[in-house]
Amino acid sequence: MKIIITEKQMSKLAGNKITCKCGHSWVKEDGDEHPYLCHSCGWDQDQGKYDKKELKKFWDNYDGEINEKWSEKYKQSIDCNNAKGFSQRAHCQGRKKRK
């Protein structure tokens, strides 16, 4: 038996975590004007289309810092024999070059 559910229904089942088709994920926050808008690519899960206008409005009004640095603990936890994803593989290659 197949059960087909919408993305909204899936987000309710999965909690407040929303995953975009580009792979970016975030937690739905209370008071967010556009909780289903991906701030990476501009895809709006609710409308089912790209909304570049709202994406630009978000980044123009953004006043926080983007902190994407890895902690030392995370860097040490990466298994270079089984690196997951492009970023971890690049990190391991850099680690090998320094040795």
PDB file of N, CA and C in Angstrom:
ATOM      1  N   MET A   1       0.843  -1.172   0.000  1.00  0.00           N
ATOM      2  CA  MET A   1       0.000   0.000   0.000  1.00  0.00           C
ATOM      3  C   MET A   1       0.888   1.234   0.000  1.00  0.00           C
ATOM      4  N   LYS A   2       0.588   2.211  -0.856  1.00  0.00           N
ATOM      5  CA  LYS A   2       1.329   3.458  -0.928  1.00  0.00           C
ATOM      6  C   LYS A   2       0.537   4.548  -0.250  1.00  0.00           C
ATOM      7  N   ILE A   3       1.253   5.371   0.493  1.00  0.00           N
ATOM      8  CA  ILE A   3       0.642   6.543   1.110  1.00  0.00           C
ATOM      9  C   ILE A   3       1.366   7.756   0.560  1.00  0.00           C
ATOM     10  N   ILE A   4       0.627   8.667  -0.027  1.00  0.00           N
ATOM     11  CA  ILE A   4       1.211   9.876  -0.586  1.00  0.00           C
ATOM     12  C   ILE A   4       0.852  11.040   0.323  1.00  0.00           C
ATOM     13  N   ILE A   5       1.882  11.765   0.768  1.00  0.00           N
ATOM     14  CA  ILE A   5       1.645  12.911   1.633  1.00  0.00           C
ATOM     15  C   ILE A   5       2.319  14.143   1.038  1.00  0.00           C
ATOM     16  N   THR A   6       1.804  15.292   1.389  1.00  0.00           N
ATOM     17  CA  THR A   6       2.381  16.540   0.907  1.00  0.00           C
ATOM     18  C   THR A   6       3.596  16.899   1.744  1.00  0.00           C
ATOM     19  N   GLU A   7       4.368  17.889   1.279  1.00  0.00           N
ATOM     20  CA  GLU A   7       5.553  18.325   2.018  1.00  0.00           C
ATOM     21  C   GLU A   7       5.148  18.940   3.355  1.00  0.00           C
ATOM     22  N   LYS A   8       4.019  19.651   3.378  1.00  0.00           N
ATOM     23  CA  LYS A   8       3.534  20.234   4.638  1.00  0.00           C
ATOM     24  C   LYS A   8       3.212  19.145   5.644  1.00  0.00           C
ATOM     25  N   GLN A   9       2.540  18.081   5.176  1.00  0.00           N
ATOM     26  CA  GLN A   9       2.203  16.980   6.066  1.00  0.00           C
ATOM     27  C   GLN A   9       3.468  16.295   6.571  1.00  0.00           C
ATOM     28  N   MET A  10       4.476  16.188   5.704  1.00  0.00           N
ATOM     29  CA  MET A  10       5.736  15.564   6.102  1.00  0.00           C
ATOM     30  C   MET A  10       6.439  16.392   7.157  1.00  0.00           C
ATOM     31  N   SER A  11       6.404  17.720   7.013  1.00  0.00           N
ATOM     32  CA  SER A  11       7.068  18.560   8.008  1.00  0.00           C
ATOM     33  C   SER A  11       6.371  18.438   9.364  1.00  0.00           C
ATOM     34  N   LYS A  12       5.058  18.212   9.343  1.00  0.00           N
ATOM     35  CA  LYS A  12       4.337  18.003  10.607  1.00  0.00           C
ATOM     36  C   LYS A  12       4.734  16.680  11.239  1.00  0.00           C
ATOM     37  N   LEU A  13       4.922  15.657  10.411  1.00  0.00           N
ATOM     38  CA  LEU A  13       5.334  14.354  10.928  1.00  0.00           C
ATOM     39  C   LEU A  13       6.770  14.376  11.437  1.00  0.00           C
ATOM     40  N   ALA A  14       7.632  15.115  10.747  1.00  0.00           N
ATOM     41  CA  ALA A  14       9.054  15.158  11.097  1.00  0.00           C
ATOM     42  C   ALA A  14       9.346  16.201  12.172  1.00  0.00           C
ATOM     43  N   GLY A  15       8.342  16.918  12.634  1.00  0.00           N
ATOM     44  CA  GLY A  15       8.568  17.978  13.610  1.00  0.00           C
ATOM     45  C   GLY A  15       8.670  19.304  12.906  1.00  0.00           C
ATOM     46  N   ASN A  16       9.450  20.207  13.443  1.00  0.00           N
ATOM     47  CA  ASN A  16       9.587  21.537  12.862  1.00  0.00           C
ATOM     48  C   ASN A  16      10.734  21.641  11.876  1.00  0.00           C
ATOM     49  N   LYS A  17      11.404  20.535  11.584  1.00  0.00           N
ATOM     50  CA  LYS A  17      12.533  20.567  10.655  1.00  0.00           C
ATOM     51  C   LYS A  17      12.015  20.507   9.224  1.00  0.00           C
ATOM     52  N   ILE A  18      12.498  21.425   8.396  1.00  0.00           N
ATOM     53  CA  ILE A  18      12.103  21.498   6.996  1.00  0.00           C
ATOM     54  C   ILE A  18      13.351  21.286   6.150  1.00  0.00           C
ATOM     55  N   THR A  19      13.252  20.447   5.132  1.00  0.00           N
ATOM     56  CA  THR A  19      14.367  20.195   4.227  1.00  0.00           C
ATOM     57  C   THR A  19      13.968  20.614   2.827  1.00  0.00           C
ATOM     58  N   CYS A  20      14.813  21.417   2.215  1.00  0.00           N
ATOM     59  CA  CYS A  20      14.568  21.902   0.858  1.00  0.00           C
ATOM     60  C   CYS A  20      15.049  20.874  -0.151  1.00  0.00           C
ATOM     61  N   LYS A  21      14.607  21.018  -1.390  1.00  0.00           N
ATOM     62  CA  LYS A  21      15.064  20.095  -2.433  1.00  0.00           C
ATOM     63  C   LYS A  21      16.529  20.312  -2.783  1.00  0.00           C
ATOM     64  N   CYS A  22      17.119  21.465  -2.372  1.00  0.00           N
ATOM     65  CA  CYS A  22      18.544  21.705  -2.616  1.00  0.00           C
ATOM     66  C   CYS A  22      19.406  21.037  -1.550  1.00  0.00           C
ATOM     67  N   GLY A  23      18.768  20.515  -0.494  1.00  0.00           N
ATOM     68  CA  GLY A  23      19.500  19.837   0.567  1.00  0.00           C
ATOM     69  C   GLY A  23      19.645  20.654   1.839  1.00  0.00           C
ATOM     70  N   HIS A  24      19.394  21.953   1.763  1.00  0.00           N
ATOM     71  CA  HIS A  24      19.473  22.826   2.933  1.00  0.00           C
ATOM     72  C   HIS A  24      18.302  22.512   3.860  1.00  0.00           C
ATOM     73  N   SER A  25      18.543  22.479   5.156  1.00  0.00           N
ATOM     74  CA  SER A  25      17.463  22.227   6.106  1.00  0.00           C
ATOM     75  C   SER A  25      17.510  23.247   7.230  1.00  0.00           C
ATOM     76  N   TRP A  26      16.368  23.477   7.848  1.00  0.00           N
ATOM     77  CA  TRP A  26      16.252  24.451   8.924  1.00  0.00           C
ATOM     78  C   TRP A  26      15.079  24.084   9.802  1.00  0.00           C
ATOM     79  N   VAL A  27      15.016  24.714  10.965  1.00  0.00           N
ATOM     80  CA  VAL A  27      13.925  24.502  11.903  1.00  0.00           C
ATOM     81  C   VAL A  27      12.940  25.653  11.747  1.00  0.00           C
ATOM     82  N   LYS A  28      11.680  25.306  11.622  1.00  0.00           N
ATOM     83  CA  LYS A  28      10.628  26.313  11.485  1.00  0.00           C
ATOM     84  C   LYS A  28      10.525  27.090  12.790  1.00  0.00           C
ATOM     85  N   GLU A  29      10.616  28.420  12.686  1.00  0.00           N
ATOM     86  CA  GLU A  29      10.588  29.270  13.871  1.00  0.00           C
ATOM     87  C   GLU A  29       9.263  30.001  13.976  1.00  0.00           C
ATOM     88  N   ASP A  30       8.797  30.185  15.199  1.00  0.00           N
ATOM     89  CA  ASP A  30       7.575  30.952  15.425  1.00  0.00           C
ATOM     90  C   ASP A  30       7.824  32.412  15.064  1.00  0.00           C
ATOM     91  N   GLY A  31       6.858  33.037  14.428  1.00  0.00           N
ATOM     92  CA  GLY A  31       6.983  34.441  14.073  1.00  0.00           C
ATOM     93  C   GLY A  31       7.720  34.685  12.775  1.00  0.00           C
ATOM     94  N   ASP A  32       8.197  33.619  12.117  1.00  0.00           N
ATOM     95  CA  ASP A  32       8.891  33.777  10.839  1.00  0.00           C
ATOM     96  C   ASP A  32       7.859  34.120   9.768  1.00  0.00           C
ATOM     97  N   GLU A  33       8.124  35.186   9.014  1.00  0.00           N
ATOM     98  CA  GLU A  33       7.180  35.640   7.997  1.00  0.00           C
ATOM     99  C   GLU A  33       7.022  34.621   6.867  1.00  0.00           C
ATOM    100  N   HIS A  34       8.120  33.954   6.496  1.00  0.00           N
ATOM    101  CA  HIS A  34       8.103  32.936   5.444  1.00  0.00           C
ATOM    102  C   HIS A  34       8.845  31.703   5.948  1.00  0.00           C
ATOM    103  N   PRO A  35       8.188  30.873   6.768  1.00  0.00           N
ATOM    104  CA  PRO A  35       8.892  29.727   7.365  1.00  0.00           C
ATOM    105  C   PRO A  35       9.280  28.640   6.369  1.00  0.00           C
ATOM    106  N   TYR A  36       8.653  28.602   5.204  1.00  0.00           N
ATOM    107  CA  TYR A  36       8.952  27.557   4.228  1.00  0.00           C
ATOM    108  C   TYR A  36       9.897  28.028   3.131  1.00  0.00           C
ATOM    109  N   LEU A  37      10.434  29.243   3.244  1.00  0.00           N
ATOM    110  CA  LEU A  37      11.351  29.792   2.243  1.00  0.00           C
ATOM    111  C   LEU A  37      12.781  29.364   2.572  1.00  0.00           C
ATOM    112  N   CYS A  38      13.425  28.705   1.607  1.00  0.00           N
ATOM    113  CA  CYS A  38      14.820  28.295   1.770  1.00  0.00           C
ATOM    114  C   CYS A  38      15.699  29.520   1.570  1.00  0.00           C
ATOM    115  N   HIS A  39      16.528  29.827   2.561  1.00  0.00           N
ATOM    116  CA  HIS A  39      17.382  31.004   2.478  1.00  0.00           C
ATOM    117  C   HIS A  39      18.653  30.747   1.685  1.00  0.00           C
ATOM    118  N   SER A  40      18.819  29.525   1.192  1.00  0.00           N
ATOM    119  CA  SER A  40      19.968  29.219   0.337  1.00  0.00           C
ATOM    120  C   SER A  40      19.641  29.388  -1.134  1.00  0.00           C
ATOM    121  N   CYS A  41      18.534  28.776  -1.571  1.00  0.00           N
ATOM    122  CA  CYS A  41      18.222  28.796  -3.006  1.00  0.00           C
ATOM    123  C   CYS A  41      16.975  29.590  -3.361  1.00  0.00           C
ATOM    124  N   GLY A  42      16.113  29.900  -2.382  1.00  0.00           N
ATOM    125  CA  GLY A  42      14.917  30.687  -2.655  1.00  0.00           C
ATOM    126  C   GLY A  42      13.674  29.863  -2.942  1.00  0.00           C
ATOM    127  N   TRP A  43      13.741  28.541  -2.799  1.00  0.00           N
ATOM    128  CA  TRP A  43      12.573  27.682  -3.035  1.00  0.00           C
ATOM    129  C   TRP A  43      11.594  27.846  -1.885  1.00  0.00           C
ATOM    130  N   ASP A  44      10.333  28.066  -2.208  1.00  0.00           N
ATOM    131  CA  ASP A  44       9.279  28.188  -1.198  1.00  0.00           C
ATOM    132  C   ASP A  44       8.499  26.881  -1.178  1.00  0.00           C
ATOM    133  N   GLN A  45       8.643  26.113  -0.096  1.00  0.00           N
ATOM    134  CA  GLN A  45       7.984  24.814   0.029  1.00  0.00           C
ATOM    135  C   GLN A  45       6.464  24.960  -0.011  1.00  0.00           C
ATOM    136  N   ASP A  46       5.955  26.045   0.556  1.00  0.00           N
ATOM    137  CA  ASP A  46       4.518  26.265   0.654  1.00  0.00           C
ATOM    138  C   ASP A  46       3.911  26.554  -0.713  1.00  0.00           C
ATOM    139  N   GLN A  47       4.566  27.409  -1.497  1.00  0.00           N
ATOM    140  CA  GLN A  47       4.036  27.798  -2.801  1.00  0.00           C
ATOM    141  C   GLN A  47       4.456  26.848  -3.920  1.00  0.00           C
ATOM    142  N   GLY A  48       5.525  26.095  -3.690  1.00  0.00           N
ATOM    143  CA  GLY A  48       6.013  25.166  -4.705  1.00  0.00           C
ATOM    144  C   GLY A  48       6.700  25.856  -5.866  1.00  0.00           C
ATOM    145  N   LYS A  49       7.344  26.987  -5.593  1.00  0.00           N
ATOM    146  CA  LYS A  49       8.063  27.708  -6.639  1.00  0.00           C
ATOM    147  C   LYS A  49       9.177  28.536  -6.007  1.00  0.00           C
ATOM    148  N   TYR A  50      10.085  29.042  -6.854  1.00  0.00           N
ATOM    149  CA  TYR A  50      11.156  29.900  -6.376  1.00  0.00           C
ATOM    150  C   TYR A  50      10.607  31.299  -6.114  1.00  0.00           C
ATOM    151  N   ASP A  51      11.049  31.904  -5.025  1.00  0.00           N
ATOM    152  CA  ASP A  51      10.606  33.256  -4.683  1.00  0.00           C
ATOM    153  C   ASP A  51      11.849  34.103  -4.427  1.00  0.00           C
ATOM    154  N   LYS A  52      12.483  34.535  -5.505  1.00  0.00           N
ATOM    155  CA  LYS A  52      13.733  35.295  -5.410  1.00  0.00           C
ATOM    156  C   LYS A  52      13.513  36.662  -4.765  1.00  0.00           C
ATOM    157  N   LYS A  53      12.317  37.226  -4.931  1.00  0.00           N
ATOM    158  CA  LYS A  53      12.017  38.530  -4.360  1.00  0.00           C
ATOM    159  C   LYS A  53      12.066  38.474  -2.825  1.00  0.00           C
ATOM    160  N   GLU A  54      11.425  37.471  -2.242  1.00  0.00           N
ATOM    161  CA  GLU A  54      11.430  37.320  -0.783  1.00  0.00           C
ATOM    162  C   GLU A  54      12.814  36.932  -0.275  1.00  0.00           C
ATOM    163  N   LEU A  55      13.561  36.152  -1.060  1.00  0.00           N
ATOM    164  CA  LEU A  55      14.921  35.773  -0.674  1.00  0.00           C
ATOM    165  C   LEU A  55      15.809  37.005  -0.596  1.00  0.00           C
ATOM    166  N   LYS A  56      15.713  37.873  -1.598  1.00  0.00           N
ATOM    167  CA  LYS A  56      16.496  39.107  -1.602  1.00  0.00           C
ATOM    168  C   LYS A  56      16.088  39.994  -0.434  1.00  0.00           C
ATOM    169  N   LYS A  57      14.785  40.066  -0.162  1.00  0.00           N
ATOM    170  CA  LYS A  57      14.296  40.871   0.963  1.00  0.00           C
ATOM    171  C   LYS A  57      14.853  40.344   2.289  1.00  0.00           C
ATOM    172  N   PHE A  58      14.921  39.022   2.436  1.00  0.00           N
ATOM    173  CA  PHE A  58      15.469  38.424   3.654  1.00  0.00           C
ATOM    174  C   PHE A  58      16.932  38.822   3.836  1.00  0.00           C
ATOM    175  N   TRP A  59      17.760  38.650   2.782  1.00  0.00           N
ATOM    176  CA  TRP A  59      19.184  38.928   2.904  1.00  0.00           C
ATOM    177  C   TRP A  59      19.469  40.417   3.032  1.00  0.00           C
ATOM    178  N   ASP A  60      18.631  41.277   2.450  1.00  0.00           N
ATOM    179  CA  ASP A  60      18.808  42.722   2.617  1.00  0.00           C
ATOM    180  C   ASP A  60      18.551  43.149   4.056  1.00  0.00           C
ATOM    181  N   ASN A  61      17.622  42.465   4.727  1.00  0.00           N
ATOM    182  CA  ASN A  61      17.260  42.815   6.102  1.00  0.00           C
ATOM    183  C   ASN A  61      18.009  41.994   7.150  1.00  0.00           C
ATOM    184  N   TYR A  62      18.846  41.054   6.727  1.00  0.00           N
ATOM    185  CA  TYR A  62      19.553  40.175   7.652  1.00  0.00           C
ATOM    186  C   TYR A  62      20.615  40.958   8.410  1.00  0.00           C
ATOM    187  N   ASP A  63      20.567  40.898   9.738  1.00  0.00           N
ATOM    188  CA  ASP A  63      21.520  41.668  10.537  1.00  0.00           C
ATOM    189  C   ASP A  63      22.423  40.789  11.399  1.00  0.00           C
ATOM    190  N   GLY A  64      22.263  39.494  11.312  1.00  0.00           N
ATOM    191  CA  GLY A  64      23.082  38.584  12.111  1.00  0.00           C
ATOM    192  C   GLY A  64      24.340  38.171  11.373  1.00  0.00           C
ATOM    193  N   GLU A  65      25.157  37.405  12.059  1.00  0.00           N
ATOM    194  CA  GLU A  65      26.371  36.888  11.454  1.00  0.00           C
ATOM    195  C   GLU A  65      26.127  35.488  10.947  1.00  0.00           C
ATOM    196  N   ILE A  66      26.802  35.135   9.888  1.00  0.00           N
ATOM    197  CA  ILE A  66      26.759  33.768   9.402  1.00  0.00           C
ATOM    198  C   ILE A  66      27.999  33.077   9.942  1.00  0.00           C
ATOM    199  N   ASN A  67      27.780  32.100  10.779  1.00  0.00           N
ATOM    200  CA  ASN A  67      28.889  31.401  11.406  1.00  0.00           C
ATOM    201  C   ASN A  67      28.888  29.967  10.908  1.00  0.00           C
ATOM    202  N   GLU A  68      29.752  29.671   9.986  1.00  0.00           N
ATOM    203  CA  GLU A  68      29.806  28.341   9.405  1.00  0.00           C
ATOM    204  C   GLU A  68      31.123  27.631   9.709  1.00  0.00           C
ATOM    205  N   LYS A  69      31.833  28.093  10.702  1.00  0.00           N
ATOM    206  CA  LYS A  69      33.117  27.488  11.033  1.00  0.00           C
ATOM    207  C   LYS A  69      32.897  26.182  11.787  1.00  0.00           C
ATOM    208  N   TRP A  70      33.756  25.223  11.533  1.00  0.00           N
ATOM    209  CA  TRP A  70      33.699  23.951  12.226  1.00  0.00           C
ATOM    210  C   TRP A  70      34.469  24.056  13.535  1.00  0.00           C
ATOM    211  N   SER A  71      33.950  23.439  14.564  1.00  0.00           N
ATOM    212  CA  SER A  71      34.656  23.422  15.836  1.00  0.00           C
ATOM    213  C   SER A  71      35.808  22.423  15.748  1.00  0.00           C
ATOM    214  N   GLU A  72      36.786  22.600  16.633  1.00  0.00           N
ATOM    215  CA  GLU A  72      37.925  21.673  16.653  1.00  0.00           C
ATOM    216  C   GLU A  72      37.453  20.254  16.967  1.00  0.00           C
ATOM    217  N   LYS A  73      36.469  20.148  17.854  1.00  0.00           N
ATOM    218  CA  LYS A  73      35.935  18.842  18.224  1.00  0.00           C
ATOM    219  C   LYS A  73      35.345  18.147  16.992  1.00  0.00           C
ATOM    220  N   TYR A  74      34.607  18.910  16.166  1.00  0.00           N
ATOM    221  CA  TYR A  74      34.012  18.342  14.954  1.00  0.00           C
ATOM    222  C   TYR A  74      35.092  17.923  13.963  1.00  0.00           C
ATOM    223  N   LYS A  75      36.112  18.775  13.798  1.00  0.00           N
ATOM    224  CA  LYS A  75      37.193  18.458  12.865  1.00  0.00           C
ATOM    225  C   LYS A  75      37.891  17.165  13.256  1.00  0.00           C
ATOM    226  N   GLN A  76      38.109  16.972  14.544  1.00  0.00           N
ATOM    227  CA  GLN A  76      38.793  15.772  15.011  1.00  0.00           C
ATOM    228  C   GLN A  76      37.911  14.536  14.898  1.00  0.00           C
ATOM    229  N   SER A  77      36.581  14.748  14.873  1.00  0.00           N
ATOM    230  CA  SER A  77      35.668  13.603  14.807  1.00  0.00           C
ATOM    231  C   SER A  77      35.500  13.071  13.385  1.00  0.00           C
ATOM    232  N   ILE A  78      36.004  13.786  12.373  1.00  0.00           N
ATOM    233  CA  ILE A  78      35.846  13.360  10.983  1.00  0.00           C
ATOM    234  C   ILE A  78      36.728  12.153  10.716  1.00  0.00           C
ATOM    235  N   ASP A  79      36.122  11.107  10.183  1.00  0.00           N
ATOM    236  CA  ASP A  79      36.845   9.890   9.816  1.00  0.00           C
ATOM    237  C   ASP A  79      37.284  10.031   8.365  1.00  0.00           C
ATOM    238  N   CYS A  80      38.556  10.311   8.143  1.00  0.00           N
ATOM    239  CA  CYS A  80      39.059  10.554   6.789  1.00  0.00           C
ATOM    240  C   CYS A  80      39.049   9.292   5.929  1.00  0.00           C
ATOM    241  N   ASN A  81      38.952   8.127   6.535  1.00  0.00           N
ATOM    242  CA  ASN A  81      38.835   6.885   5.767  1.00  0.00           C
ATOM    243  C   ASN A  81      37.415   6.694   5.246  1.00  0.00           C
ATOM    244  N   ASN A  82      36.452   7.418   5.840  1.00  0.00           N
ATOM    245  CA  ASN A  82      35.056   7.318   5.432  1.00  0.00           C
ATOM    246  C   ASN A  82      34.432   8.714   5.487  1.00  0.00           C
ATOM    247  N   ALA A  83      35.049   9.661   4.775  1.00  0.00           N
ATOM    248  CA  ALA A  83      34.568  11.044   4.788  1.00  0.00           C
ATOM    249  C   ALA A  83      33.214  11.136   4.090  1.00  0.00           C
ATOM    250  N   LYS A  84      32.316  11.902   4.683  1.00  0.00           N
ATOM    251  CA  LYS A  84      30.970  12.044   4.136  1.00  0.00           C
ATOM    252  C   LYS A  84      30.819  13.423   3.507  1.00  0.00           C
ATOM    253  N   GLY A  85      30.627  13.453   2.229  1.00  0.00           N
ATOM    254  CA  GLY A  85      30.380  14.709   1.545  1.00  0.00           C
ATOM    255  C   GLY A  85      31.643  15.388   1.056  1.00  0.00           C
ATOM    256  N   PHE A  86      31.415  16.374   0.177  1.00  0.00           N
ATOM    257  CA  PHE A  86      32.513  17.102  -0.442  1.00  0.00           C
ATOM    258  C   PHE A  86      33.353  17.851   0.586  1.00  0.00           C
ATOM    259  N   SER A  87      32.719  18.514   1.533  1.00  0.00           N
ATOM    260  CA  SER A  87      33.450  19.337   2.502  1.00  0.00           C
ATOM    261  C   SER A  87      34.376  18.505   3.376  1.00  0.00           C
ATOM    262  N   GLN A  88      33.889  17.363   3.841  1.00  0.00           N
ATOM    263  CA  GLN A  88      34.741  16.518   4.675  1.00  0.00           C
ATOM    264  C   GLN A  88      35.901  15.943   3.870  1.00  0.00           C
ATOM    265  N   ARG A  89      35.649  15.555   2.616  1.00  0.00           N
ATOM    266  CA  ARG A  89      36.744  15.033   1.785  1.00  0.00           C
ATOM    267  C   ARG A  89      37.793  16.114   1.541  1.00  0.00           C
ATOM    268  N   ALA A  90      37.342  17.360   1.288  1.00  0.00           N
ATOM    269  CA  ALA A  90      38.280  18.469   1.071  1.00  0.00           C
ATOM    270  C   ALA A  90      39.084  18.744   2.341  1.00  0.00           C
ATOM    271  N   HIS A  91      38.423  18.660   3.487  1.00  0.00           N
ATOM    272  CA  HIS A  91      39.118  18.854   4.764  1.00  0.00           C
ATOM    273  C   HIS A  91      40.210  17.791   4.938  1.00  0.00           C
ATOM    274  N   CYS A  92      39.889  16.548   4.608  1.00  0.00           N
ATOM    275  CA  CYS A  92      40.858  15.459   4.760  1.00  0.00           C
ATOM    276  C   CYS A  92      42.030  15.612   3.795  1.00  0.00           C
ATOM    277  N   GLN A  93      41.755  16.085   2.585  1.00  0.00           N
ATOM    278  CA  GLN A  93      42.841  16.322   1.641  1.00  0.00           C
ATOM    279  C   GLN A  93      43.776  17.414   2.151  1.00  0.00           C
ATOM    280  N   GLY A  94      43.201  18.457   2.735  1.00  0.00           N
ATOM    281  CA  GLY A  94      44.017  19.527   3.312  1.00  0.00           C
ATOM    282  C   GLY A  94      44.834  19.045   4.484  1.00  0.00           C
ATOM    283  N   ARG A  95      44.248  18.159   5.269  1.00  0.00           N
ATOM    284  CA  ARG A  95      44.944  17.583   6.423  1.00  0.00           C
ATOM    285  C   ARG A  95      46.143  16.765   5.953  1.00  0.00           C
ATOM    286  N   LYS A  96      45.967  16.013   4.851  1.00  0.00           N
ATOM    287  CA  LYS A  96      47.063  15.187   4.308  1.00  0.00           C
ATOM    288  C   LYS A  96      48.197  16.066   3.773  1.00  0.00           C
ATOM    289  N   LYS A  97      47.853  17.200   3.152  1.00  0.00           N
ATOM    290  CA  LYS A  97      48.865  18.102   2.596  1.00  0.00           C
ATOM    291  C   LYS A  97      49.748  18.699   3.700  1.00  0.00           C
ATOM    292  N   ARG A  98      49.149  18.953   4.859  1.00  0.00           N
ATOM    293  CA  ARG A  98      49.902  19.578   5.966  1.00  0.00           C
ATOM    294  C   ARG A  98      50.873  18.613   6.626  1.00  0.00           C
ATOM    295  N   LYS A  99      50.688  17.322   6.439  1.00  0.00           N
ATOM    296  CA  LYS A  99      51.565  16.333   7.103  1.00  0.00           C
ATOM    297  C   LYS A  99      52.878  16.199   6.407  1.00  0.00           C
TER     298      LYS A  99
END
